[in-house]
Amino acid sequence: MMKQRSIKNTFARHFVSILVCSLLASLVTWGLLVLLLGYLFNHDIALPANHYEAQIPVITEFAQTRGDSIMSTQGQAELEKVIPSQGMSYLVVSLTGDPLYGDLHIDESLSRQKILARLNQTRSGMNEIVVYKPVVSRDGNLIGALLVGYSLKVTAANPALNPLVSFGFLAFFLTPFLYIVVFTLVFGRRFSRKISAPLQQLLQGAEMIKERNLRFSLSGASSIAEVNRLTKAFEDMRQELEHSIEREWRMEQERSTMFAALAHDLRTPLTIVQGHVEGLEQMNGESDEGKRLQYLQVIKRNTTRASKLLQDMNTMAEIEKVSFRLQPLPVDIEELADEKTEEYAALCRGKNIAFQTEVYDNRTAKTPVMLDPYRIIQVLDNLVSNSLRYTPEAGRILWHIEITEQQVMMAVTDNGTGFGQQRHLQQVFKPFYQGQVHSSRQKGHSGLGLYIAKLLVQHHGGHIVAENNPLRGATVRFTLPIQGA
């Protein structure tokens, strides 16, 4: 696994690496230059910095022993044999400071007093050193002065090679800076590669998202922690966008299916109503009251069915709004059970179905429960009406209620046809799902009851499930958390 470091740590490591590599490379280069200079000095190709300074004693002895001859131009040739023509310059002056001959340039006028004060002394100028040496006659008298100028620097024995020597010394001093530049480029390139590859992926990913293409993934890891976090965050964002778009697509598909189902379910009763209205128009005053009553009953039944479907659609649209809010009130569950039991029992008697309610309150303090009674009644109405729809005559429906300190559990159980196969159980809470479609629509079932029940239970923070009973029938059970539990 690649070890990750922060940008700060990575930059610091690269900076230290640049300095260390530059220092080591400089030391190696300096060592090679020292070896090269030693070779040049040993083979008289280059002259050391003190080469001309070493000639001063010989020149001094010549000036003291041959002083009479060098005070005139006749001795110039002999003097120039002692003083090298390259790298040194000279000037012979009288005691009064008058220049006699030589190629050394002096910017000031000399006097006897200055000459006497500077004898056997060394004066340093901008570019060279000037040595004042006495010129003595044969009888030992001071008759003049010999000024010798030279520079303390390494030079080539061949003056034509002096530019190369100067370049070598310049390179010697600039070597650390040159290596810093070189290794900065090398390590900077490595640092850039560590960042540029993932950043390039991010840019390409942004372009693909701009083109609404989310079918890609960001691969490859960087040794820089911040870059990895940025890449992971971008990939998470891409996945969430992809899932969001898929959810939107599924919702759009479901919405299209819902509108198609709504149009179909509305068209059926309206078509029936239209046909029977036309039948009434065609009777033209016929006195068949039985047939007229039959037509009116069919019209009433189908208008009620269409009205119920539109009511369910309005309820679903209201609950699905973001602004939807419950209106919780303190509710006595046993009182609610008593009131609704009478209503449900009356409905069941019309189909010769037995209705029974069981309430088990396991709490130590039987206090009212906070919930929205109107919405919970909607849930119960939908569950009981479903059981009534599928429970045969002489059947049985049970409303079971159990209350604990943490939750309220309600279940509606019947011994009807049940939900069929397992695949039906996974679909029953979807909008417009009607199980065996043909029979459901014949009974005027819209397929929204369980979906509305699920939404209302979820708004209460609860959970709802459907299951087939072991022997016969079905059970729909939901739980509601008690506030403060």
Protein backbone atom coordinates (compact mmCIF):
# COMPACT_ATOMS: atom_id res chain seq x y z
CA MET A 1 0.00 0.00 0.00
CA MET A 2 1.35 3.40 -0.99
CA LYS A 3 2.32 5.52 2.00
CA GLN A 4 0.51 8.83 2.06
CA ARG A 5 1.94 12.13 3.23
CA SER A 6 0.55 15.63 3.47
CA ILE A 7 1.49 18.32 0.96
CA LYS A 8 3.45 20.12 3.68
CA ASN A 9 5.41 16.98 4.56
CA THR A 10 6.01 16.10 0.90
CA PHE A 11 7.22 19.62 0.11
CA ALA A 12 9.55 19.64 3.13
CA ARG A 13 11.01 16.24 2.13
CA HIS A 14 11.61 17.46 -1.43
CA PHE A 15 13.23 20.65 -0.14
CA VAL A 16 15.59 18.71 2.14
CA SER A 17 16.35 16.28 -0.69
CA ILE A 18 17.25 19.20 -2.97
CA LEU A 19 19.67 20.66 -0.40
CA VAL A 20 21.28 17.30 0.45
CA CYS A 21 21.71 16.26 -3.19
CA SER A 22 23.05 19.70 -4.12
CA LEU A 23 25.57 19.57 -1.25
CA LEU A 24 26.76 16.06 -2.12
CA ALA A 25 27.02 16.89 -5.82
CA SER A 26 28.92 20.11 -4.99
CA LEU A 27 31.38 18.24 -2.76
CA VAL A 28 32.01 15.69 -5.50
CA THR A 29 32.48 18.45 -8.08
CA TRP A 30 34.84 20.40 -5.83
CA GLY A 31 36.87 17.25 -5.21
CA LEU A 32 37.20 16.66 -8.95
CA LEU A 33 38.21 20.30 -9.51
CA VAL A 34 40.87 20.05 -6.77
CA LEU A 35 42.28 16.91 -8.41
CA LEU A 36 42.24 18.64 -11.78
CA LEU A 37 44.06 21.71 -10.39
CA GLY A 38 46.66 19.48 -8.77
CA TYR A 39 47.27 17.81 -12.10
CA LEU A 40 47.55 21.18 -13.86
CA PHE A 41 49.93 22.55 -11.23
CA ASN A 42 52.12 19.43 -11.34
CA HIS A 43 52.43 19.62 -15.11
CA ASP A 44 52.93 23.40 -15.18
CA ILE A 45 49.77 23.91 -17.19
CA ALA A 46 48.34 26.21 -14.52
CA LEU A 47 50.21 28.49 -12.15
CA PRO A 48 49.18 28.80 -8.49
CA ALA A 49 48.11 32.13 -7.01
CA ASN A 50 51.50 32.67 -5.27
CA HIS A 51 53.55 31.83 -8.37
CA TYR A 52 54.55 35.42 -9.07
CA GLU A 53 54.94 36.27 -5.42
CA ALA A 54 57.60 33.57 -5.26
CA GLN A 55 59.64 35.49 -7.87
CA ILE A 56 59.98 38.57 -5.68
CA PRO A 57 63.13 37.42 -3.71
CA VAL A 58 65.04 36.78 -6.95
CA ILE A 59 64.01 40.17 -8.35
CA THR A 60 64.93 41.86 -5.06
CA GLU A 61 68.41 40.30 -5.06
CA PHE A 62 68.97 41.37 -8.68
CA ALA A 63 67.99 44.95 -7.87
CA GLN A 64 70.39 45.08 -4.97
CA THR A 65 73.33 43.52 -6.81
CA ARG A 66 72.90 45.09 -10.24
CA GLY A 67 71.49 48.41 -9.20
CA ASP A 68 73.85 50.58 -11.27
CA SER A 69 72.97 48.81 -14.50
CA ILE A 70 69.19 48.88 -14.16
CA MET A 71 69.05 52.60 -13.42
CA SER A 72 69.59 53.18 -17.13
CA THR A 73 67.83 51.75 -20.14
CA GLN A 74 70.97 49.73 -20.96
CA GLY A 75 70.08 47.35 -18.12
CA GLN A 76 66.43 46.98 -19.12
CA ALA A 77 67.02 43.84 -21.15
CA GLU A 78 68.80 42.12 -18.26
CA LEU A 79 66.04 43.15 -15.82
CA GLU A 80 63.32 41.81 -18.06
CA LYS A 81 65.07 38.46 -18.10
CA VAL A 82 64.47 38.26 -14.33
CA ILE A 83 60.90 39.63 -14.36
CA PRO A 84 58.42 37.34 -16.25
CA SER A 85 56.86 39.06 -19.20
CA GLN A 86 53.45 37.52 -18.43
CA GLY A 87 51.71 38.10 -15.15
CA MET A 88 54.10 40.75 -13.78
CA SER A 89 54.81 44.40 -14.60
CA TYR A 90 57.50 46.73 -13.30
CA LEU A 91 58.61 50.35 -13.14
CA VAL A 92 62.10 51.74 -12.36
CA VAL A 93 62.04 55.18 -10.72
CA SER A 94 64.70 57.52 -9.38
CA LEU A 95 64.82 58.64 -5.77
CA THR A 96 63.03 61.81 -6.78
CA GLY A 97 60.10 59.72 -8.10
CA ASP A 98 60.79 60.24 -11.78
CA PRO A 99 59.88 57.11 -13.82
CA LEU A 100 62.77 55.83 -15.92
CA TYR A 101 61.23 52.88 -17.79
CA GLY A 102 58.83 49.99 -17.31
CA ASP A 103 55.22 48.99 -18.07
CA LEU A 104 53.67 49.38 -14.59
CA HIS A 105 51.11 52.16 -14.50
CA ILE A 106 50.96 54.32 -11.35
CA ASP A 107 47.97 56.61 -10.87
CA GLU A 108 49.78 58.98 -8.50
CA SER A 109 52.92 61.09 -8.65
CA LEU A 110 55.83 59.80 -6.57
CA SER A 111 58.16 61.79 -4.41
CA ARG A 112 61.36 60.95 -2.55
CA GLN A 113 59.46 60.92 0.71
CA LYS A 114 56.79 58.46 -0.61
CA ILE A 115 59.44 56.18 -2.10
CA LEU A 116 61.46 56.03 1.12
CA ALA A 117 58.31 55.37 3.14
CA ARG A 118 57.21 52.51 0.89
CA LEU A 119 60.49 50.67 0.39
CA ASN A 120 60.24 46.92 1.15
CA GLN A 121 56.49 47.34 1.59
CA THR A 122 53.57 45.86 -0.28
CA ARG A 123 50.67 47.99 -1.43
CA SER A 124 47.42 46.42 -2.62
CA GLY A 125 45.37 48.03 -5.33
CA MET A 126 42.07 47.15 -6.99
CA ASN A 127 43.46 44.51 -9.30
CA GLU A 128 47.09 43.88 -8.28
CA ILE A 129 49.75 44.09 -5.60
CA VAL A 130 52.68 46.54 -5.94
CA VAL A 131 55.97 45.89 -4.14
CA TYR A 132 58.54 48.69 -3.65
CA LYS A 133 62.12 47.32 -3.72
CA PRO A 134 65.30 49.45 -3.25
CA VAL A 135 67.87 49.74 -6.01
CA VAL A 136 71.35 49.93 -4.48
CA SER A 137 74.61 50.96 -6.14
CA ARG A 138 77.83 48.98 -5.91
CA ASP A 139 79.01 51.08 -3.01
CA GLY A 140 75.79 50.42 -1.11
CA ASN A 141 73.99 53.69 -1.68
CA LEU A 142 70.29 53.88 -2.42
CA ILE A 143 69.92 55.21 -5.97
CA GLY A 144 66.32 54.41 -6.84
CA ALA A 145 63.41 52.02 -6.49
CA LEU A 146 62.00 49.09 -8.46
CA LEU A 147 58.21 48.78 -8.39
CA VAL A 148 56.91 45.28 -9.21
CA GLY A 149 53.21 44.60 -9.76
CA TYR A 150 51.48 41.19 -9.84
CA SER A 151 48.16 39.55 -8.99
CA LEU A 152 47.42 36.78 -6.44
CA LYS A 153 45.35 34.47 -8.60
CA VAL A 154 45.65 31.18 -10.39
CA THR A 155 46.61 31.69 -14.01
CA ALA A 156 47.48 29.51 -16.95
CA ALA A 157 51.03 29.05 -18.09
CA ASN A 158 49.70 29.85 -21.54
CA PRO A 159 47.95 33.25 -21.34
CA ALA A 160 45.53 32.14 -24.04
CA LEU A 161 44.07 29.65 -21.54
CA ASN A 162 43.38 32.23 -18.84
CA PRO A 163 39.66 32.58 -19.84
CA LEU A 164 39.26 28.85 -19.19
CA VAL A 165 40.87 29.21 -15.76
CA SER A 166 38.54 32.11 -14.93
CA PHE A 167 35.57 30.09 -16.10
CA GLY A 168 36.69 27.15 -13.95
CA PHE A 169 36.86 29.29 -10.80
CA LEU A 170 33.48 30.86 -11.60
CA ALA A 171 32.01 27.38 -11.99
CA PHE A 172 33.66 26.38 -8.68
CA PHE A 173 31.79 29.09 -6.79
CA LEU A 174 28.53 28.75 -8.70
CA THR A 175 28.40 24.93 -8.44
CA PRO A 176 26.07 24.81 -5.35
CA PHE A 177 23.61 27.21 -6.95
CA LEU A 178 23.69 25.36 -10.26
CA TYR A 179 22.99 22.05 -8.52
CA ILE A 180 20.17 23.62 -6.49
CA VAL A 181 18.55 24.76 -9.75
CA VAL A 182 19.06 21.35 -11.37
CA PHE A 183 17.72 19.32 -8.43
CA THR A 184 14.85 21.77 -7.95
CA LEU A 185 13.79 21.03 -11.52
CA VAL A 186 14.20 17.27 -10.97
CA PHE A 187 12.31 17.06 -7.68
CA GLY A 188 9.81 19.69 -8.81
CA ARG A 189 9.02 17.50 -11.80
CA ARG A 190 8.50 14.51 -9.51
CA PHE A 191 6.28 16.58 -7.20
CA SER A 192 4.34 17.85 -10.20
CA ARG A 193 3.74 14.31 -11.49
CA LYS A 194 2.36 13.28 -8.09
CA ILE A 195 -0.23 16.06 -8.28
CA SER A 196 -0.82 16.54 -12.01
CA ALA A 197 -2.08 13.00 -12.78
CA PRO A 198 -4.95 13.01 -10.23
CA LEU A 199 -5.73 16.67 -10.97
CA GLN A 200 -5.91 15.83 -14.66
CA GLN A 201 -8.35 13.04 -13.80
CA LEU A 202 -10.43 15.52 -11.81
CA LEU A 203 -10.48 17.98 -14.73
CA GLN A 204 -11.49 15.24 -17.16
CA GLY A 205 -14.16 14.07 -14.72
CA ALA A 206 -15.51 17.62 -14.39
CA GLU A 207 -15.71 17.86 -18.20
CA MET A 208 -17.56 14.54 -18.39
CA ILE A 209 -20.01 15.66 -15.70
CA LYS A 210 -20.48 18.89 -17.65
CA GLU A 211 -21.44 16.73 -20.64
CA ARG A 212 -23.85 14.79 -18.37
CA ASN A 213 -21.77 11.64 -18.54
CA LEU A 214 -21.45 9.95 -15.14
CA ARG A 215 -20.40 6.51 -16.39
CA PHE A 216 -16.80 6.76 -15.23
CA SER A 217 -14.77 6.30 -12.08
CA LEU A 218 -11.62 7.90 -10.72
CA SER A 219 -8.85 5.35 -10.33
CA GLY A 220 -5.26 5.54 -9.16
CA ALA A 221 -3.90 6.68 -5.83
CA SER A 222 -1.46 9.45 -5.04
CA SER A 223 1.11 9.53 -2.27
CA ILE A 224 -0.25 12.95 -1.23
CA ALA A 225 -3.04 12.63 1.34
CA GLU A 226 -4.87 15.85 0.40
CA VAL A 227 -4.99 14.84 -3.26
CA ASN A 228 -6.40 11.43 -2.31
CA ARG A 229 -9.05 13.03 -0.12
CA LEU A 230 -10.00 15.40 -2.93
CA THR A 231 -10.19 12.52 -5.42
CA LYS A 232 -12.31 10.43 -3.03
CA ALA A 233 -14.65 13.36 -2.35
CA PHE A 234 -15.02 13.92 -6.11
CA GLU A 235 -15.73 10.21 -6.68
CA ASP A 236 -18.29 10.21 -3.84
CA MET A 237 -19.94 13.25 -5.39
CA ARG A 238 -20.01 11.53 -8.81
CA GLN A 239 -21.56 8.39 -7.33
CA GLU A 240 -24.14 10.41 -5.44
CA LEU A 241 -24.99 12.35 -8.61
CA GLU A 242 -25.29 9.09 -10.52
CA HIS A 243 -27.55 7.59 -7.86
CA SER A 244 -29.56 10.80 -7.69
CA ILE A 245 -30.09 10.80 -11.44
CA GLU A 246 -31.05 7.13 -11.32
CA ARG A 247 -33.52 7.90 -8.55
CA GLU A 248 -34.91 10.78 -10.58
CA TRP A 249 -35.22 8.48 -13.57
CA ARG A 250 -37.01 5.84 -11.50
CA MET A 251 -39.29 8.49 -10.00
CA GLU A 252 -40.06 9.78 -13.47
CA GLN A 253 -40.82 6.24 -14.60
CA GLU A 254 -43.04 5.71 -11.56
CA ARG A 255 -44.71 9.05 -12.14
CA SER A 256 -45.42 8.13 -15.75
CA THR A 257 -46.78 4.77 -14.61
CA MET A 258 -48.92 6.48 -11.99
CA PHE A 259 -50.44 8.90 -14.48
CA ALA A 260 -51.06 6.07 -16.93
CA ALA A 261 -52.77 4.06 -14.20
CA LEU A 262 -54.77 7.10 -13.08
CA ALA A 263 -55.92 7.77 -16.63
CA HIS A 264 -56.91 4.12 -17.04
CA ASP A 265 -58.75 3.90 -13.72
CA LEU A 266 -60.61 7.16 -14.37
CA ARG A 267 -61.43 6.27 -17.94
CA THR A 268 -63.16 3.01 -16.95
CA PRO A 269 -65.83 4.44 -14.60
CA LEU A 270 -66.32 7.53 -16.76
CA THR A 271 -66.86 5.36 -19.82
CA ILE A 272 -69.39 3.30 -17.91
CA VAL A 273 -71.14 6.46 -16.70
CA GLN A 274 -71.20 7.89 -20.22
CA GLY A 275 -72.66 4.66 -21.65
CA HIS A 276 -75.44 4.48 -19.07
CA VAL A 277 -76.27 8.17 -19.48
CA GLU A 278 -76.63 7.56 -23.21
CA GLY A 279 -78.83 4.55 -22.37
CA LEU A 280 -81.06 6.77 -20.24
CA GLU A 281 -81.29 9.29 -23.09
CA GLN A 282 -82.36 6.58 -25.50
CA MET A 283 -85.21 5.37 -23.27
CA ASN A 284 -87.28 8.29 -24.53
CA GLY A 285 -89.85 8.23 -21.77
CA GLU A 286 -90.06 4.47 -21.44
CA SER A 287 -91.79 3.43 -18.24
CA ASP A 288 -89.30 0.70 -17.32
CA GLU A 289 -88.49 2.00 -13.84
CA GLY A 290 -86.45 -1.10 -12.96
CA LYS A 291 -84.08 -0.55 -15.86
CA ARG A 292 -83.86 3.19 -15.12
CA LEU A 293 -83.04 2.46 -11.47
CA GLN A 294 -80.41 -0.05 -12.53
CA TYR A 295 -78.78 2.57 -14.79
CA LEU A 296 -78.78 5.13 -11.98
CA GLN A 297 -77.20 2.68 -9.53
CA VAL A 298 -74.41 1.91 -11.99
CA ILE A 299 -73.84 5.63 -12.58
CA LYS A 300 -73.74 6.29 -8.83
CA ARG A 301 -71.36 3.39 -8.17
CA ASN A 302 -68.89 4.50 -10.84
CA THR A 303 -68.99 8.19 -9.94
CA THR A 304 -68.28 7.13 -6.34
CA ARG A 305 -65.36 5.05 -7.60
CA ALA A 306 -63.95 7.95 -9.63
CA SER A 307 -64.44 10.32 -6.68
CA LYS A 308 -62.65 7.89 -4.36
CA LEU A 309 -59.71 7.62 -6.79
CA LEU A 310 -59.39 11.40 -7.05
CA GLN A 311 -59.63 11.69 -3.27
CA ASP A 312 -56.81 9.15 -2.87
CA MET A 313 -54.73 11.03 -5.44
CA ASN A 314 -55.24 14.31 -3.57
CA THR A 315 -54.32 12.63 -0.28
CA MET A 316 -51.15 11.13 -1.79
CA ALA A 317 -50.12 14.48 -3.34
CA GLU A 318 -50.70 16.24 0.00
CA ILE A 319 -48.62 13.72 1.97
CA GLU A 320 -45.77 13.70 -0.56
CA LYS A 321 -45.29 17.48 -0.28
CA VAL A 322 -42.15 18.66 1.52
CA SER A 323 -44.31 21.07 3.50
CA PHE A 324 -46.55 18.28 4.85
CA ARG A 325 -46.71 18.22 8.64
CA LEU A 326 -48.54 16.01 11.13
CA GLN A 327 -50.85 17.46 13.78
CA PRO A 328 -50.00 15.33 16.85
CA LEU A 329 -52.41 15.27 19.78
CA PRO A 330 -52.56 13.23 23.01
CA VAL A 331 -54.67 10.18 22.12
CA ASP A 332 -56.15 7.52 24.40
CA ILE A 333 -55.58 4.37 22.36
CA GLU A 334 -58.32 2.34 24.10
CA GLU A 335 -60.92 5.06 23.47
CA LEU A 336 -59.86 5.25 19.83
CA ALA A 337 -60.12 1.48 19.55
CA ASP A 338 -63.63 1.45 21.04
CA GLU A 339 -64.90 4.15 18.65
CA LYS A 340 -63.43 2.62 15.49
CA THR A 341 -64.44 -0.93 16.48
CA GLU A 342 -68.12 0.05 16.30
CA GLU A 343 -67.66 1.54 12.84
CA TYR A 344 -65.64 -1.37 11.46
CA ALA A 345 -67.98 -3.94 12.99
CA ALA A 346 -70.96 -2.24 11.31
CA LEU A 347 -69.19 -2.36 7.92
CA CYS A 348 -68.30 -6.02 8.40
CA ARG A 349 -71.84 -7.02 9.33
CA GLY A 350 -72.96 -5.96 5.87
CA LYS A 351 -70.78 -8.76 4.41
CA ASN A 352 -71.43 -11.19 7.24
CA ILE A 353 -67.82 -10.85 8.46
CA ALA A 354 -66.87 -11.00 12.13
CA PHE A 355 -64.74 -8.10 13.41
CA GLN A 356 -62.79 -8.31 16.69
CA THR A 357 -60.43 -5.93 18.51
CA GLU A 358 -57.69 -6.86 21.02
CA VAL A 359 -55.89 -4.21 23.08
CA TYR A 360 -52.89 -5.04 25.31
CA ASP A 361 -51.41 -2.11 27.24
CA ASN A 362 -48.19 -3.31 28.92
CA ARG A 363 -47.21 0.07 30.35
CA THR A 364 -47.02 0.86 34.02
CA ALA A 365 -48.66 4.27 33.48
CA LYS A 366 -51.47 4.26 30.92
CA THR A 367 -51.08 7.84 29.63
CA PRO A 368 -52.27 9.23 26.26
CA VAL A 369 -49.93 8.78 23.30
CA MET A 370 -48.87 11.69 21.06
CA LEU A 371 -49.84 11.05 17.45
CA ASP A 372 -51.95 12.51 14.65
CA PRO A 373 -55.32 10.76 15.19
CA TYR A 374 -56.79 11.82 11.84
CA ARG A 375 -53.84 10.33 9.90
CA ILE A 376 -53.70 7.13 11.96
CA ILE A 377 -57.43 6.67 11.33
CA GLN A 378 -56.68 7.06 7.61
CA VAL A 379 -54.11 4.25 7.90
CA LEU A 380 -56.57 1.99 9.76
CA ASP A 381 -59.41 2.75 7.32
CA ASN A 382 -57.21 1.73 4.40
CA LEU A 383 -56.06 -1.48 6.09
CA VAL A 384 -59.57 -2.53 7.17
CA SER A 385 -61.07 -1.68 3.77
CA ASN A 386 -58.39 -3.85 2.12
CA SER A 387 -59.23 -6.74 4.44
CA LEU A 388 -62.95 -6.28 3.75
CA ARG A 389 -62.26 -6.34 0.00
CA TYR A 390 -60.45 -9.70 0.07
CA THR A 391 -62.17 -11.48 3.00
CA PRO A 392 -64.95 -13.83 1.92
CA GLU A 393 -68.41 -13.88 3.48
CA ALA A 394 -68.48 -15.43 6.97
CA GLY A 395 -64.82 -14.58 7.32
CA ARG A 396 -63.03 -12.89 10.21
CA ILE A 397 -60.96 -9.71 10.69
CA LEU A 398 -58.86 -9.06 13.81
CA TRP A 399 -57.50 -5.67 14.91
CA HIS A 400 -54.66 -6.35 17.33
CA ILE A 401 -53.15 -3.47 19.40
CA GLU A 402 -50.17 -3.78 21.73
CA ILE A 403 -48.67 -0.84 23.66
CA THR A 404 -45.28 -0.85 25.40
CA GLU A 405 -43.19 1.89 26.97
CA GLN A 406 -41.38 2.38 23.65
CA GLN A 407 -43.98 1.92 20.90
CA VAL A 408 -47.52 1.26 19.75
CA MET A 409 -48.00 -1.77 17.50
CA MET A 410 -51.20 -2.29 15.47
CA ALA A 411 -51.96 -5.18 13.14
CA VAL A 412 -54.97 -5.95 10.93
CA THR A 413 -55.32 -9.69 10.21
CA ASP A 414 -57.86 -11.44 8.00
CA ASN A 415 -58.50 -14.91 6.65
CA GLY A 416 -59.02 -13.80 3.07
CA THR A 417 -57.07 -14.54 -0.12
CA GLY A 418 -53.77 -13.03 1.15
CA PHE A 419 -51.14 -11.28 -0.96
CA GLY A 420 -50.27 -14.22 -3.17
CA GLN A 421 -46.64 -15.07 -3.91
CA GLN A 422 -43.58 -13.56 -2.22
CA ARG A 423 -43.03 -11.16 -5.12
CA HIS A 424 -46.40 -9.57 -4.38
CA LEU A 425 -45.35 -8.82 -0.79
CA GLN A 426 -42.42 -6.75 -2.10
CA GLN A 427 -44.73 -4.62 -4.23
CA VAL A 428 -47.85 -4.05 -2.10
CA PHE A 429 -46.72 -0.66 -0.73
CA LYS A 430 -46.00 0.80 -4.16
CA PRO A 431 -48.53 3.27 -5.63
CA PHE A 432 -51.18 1.78 -7.95
CA TYR A 433 -50.08 -1.76 -7.21
CA GLN A 434 -53.21 -3.92 -7.28
CA GLY A 435 -52.05 -7.50 -7.00
CA GLN A 436 -54.19 -9.51 -9.38
CA VAL A 437 -55.12 -6.56 -11.53
CA HIS A 438 -58.28 -7.81 -13.15
CA SER A 439 -60.13 -8.71 -9.98
CA SER A 440 -58.92 -5.63 -8.12
CA ARG A 441 -60.19 -3.21 -10.69
CA GLN A 442 -63.46 -4.95 -10.90
CA LYS A 443 -63.86 -4.23 -7.21
CA GLY A 444 -62.97 -0.53 -7.71
CA HIS A 445 -59.61 -0.77 -6.01
CA SER A 446 -57.24 2.16 -6.87
CA GLY A 447 -54.01 0.65 -5.50
CA LEU A 448 -53.13 3.72 -3.37
CA GLY A 449 -54.40 2.63 0.06
CA LEU A 450 -51.29 0.79 1.28
CA TYR A 451 -48.98 3.39 -0.28
CA ILE A 452 -50.76 6.19 1.61
CA ALA A 453 -50.63 4.08 4.79
CA LYS A 454 -46.87 3.61 4.39
CA LEU A 455 -46.29 7.36 3.90
CA LEU A 456 -48.31 8.29 7.00
CA VAL A 457 -46.61 5.65 9.17
CA GLN A 458 -43.18 6.87 8.01
CA HIS A 459 -44.13 10.46 8.85
CA HIS A 460 -44.80 9.23 12.38
CA GLY A 461 -41.31 7.69 12.42
CA GLY A 462 -42.74 4.19 12.29
CA HIS A 463 -42.45 1.09 10.13
CA ILE A 464 -45.07 -0.97 8.27
CA VAL A 465 -44.85 -4.52 6.88
CA ALA A 466 -47.17 -6.95 5.10
CA GLU A 467 -47.12 -10.73 5.33
CA ASN A 468 -49.15 -13.78 4.49
CA ASN A 469 -50.56 -15.81 7.38
CA PRO A 470 -49.30 -19.40 7.74
CA LEU A 471 -52.72 -20.96 6.99
CA ARG A 472 -54.82 -18.39 5.18
CA GLY A 473 -55.20 -14.64 4.79
CA ALA A 474 -52.82 -11.72 5.36
CA THR A 475 -51.58 -9.40 8.09
CA VAL A 476 -50.45 -5.78 7.79
CA ARG A 477 -48.57 -4.61 10.86
CA PHE A 478 -47.18 -1.17 11.72
CA THR A 479 -45.36 0.26 14.74
CA LEU A 480 -45.25 3.85 15.98
CA PRO A 481 -42.55 5.06 18.40
CA ILE A 482 -43.83 6.79 21.53
CA GLN A 483 -42.37 10.28 21.84
CA GLY A 484 -39.82 10.58 24.61
CA ALA A 485 -39.32 6.79 24.80
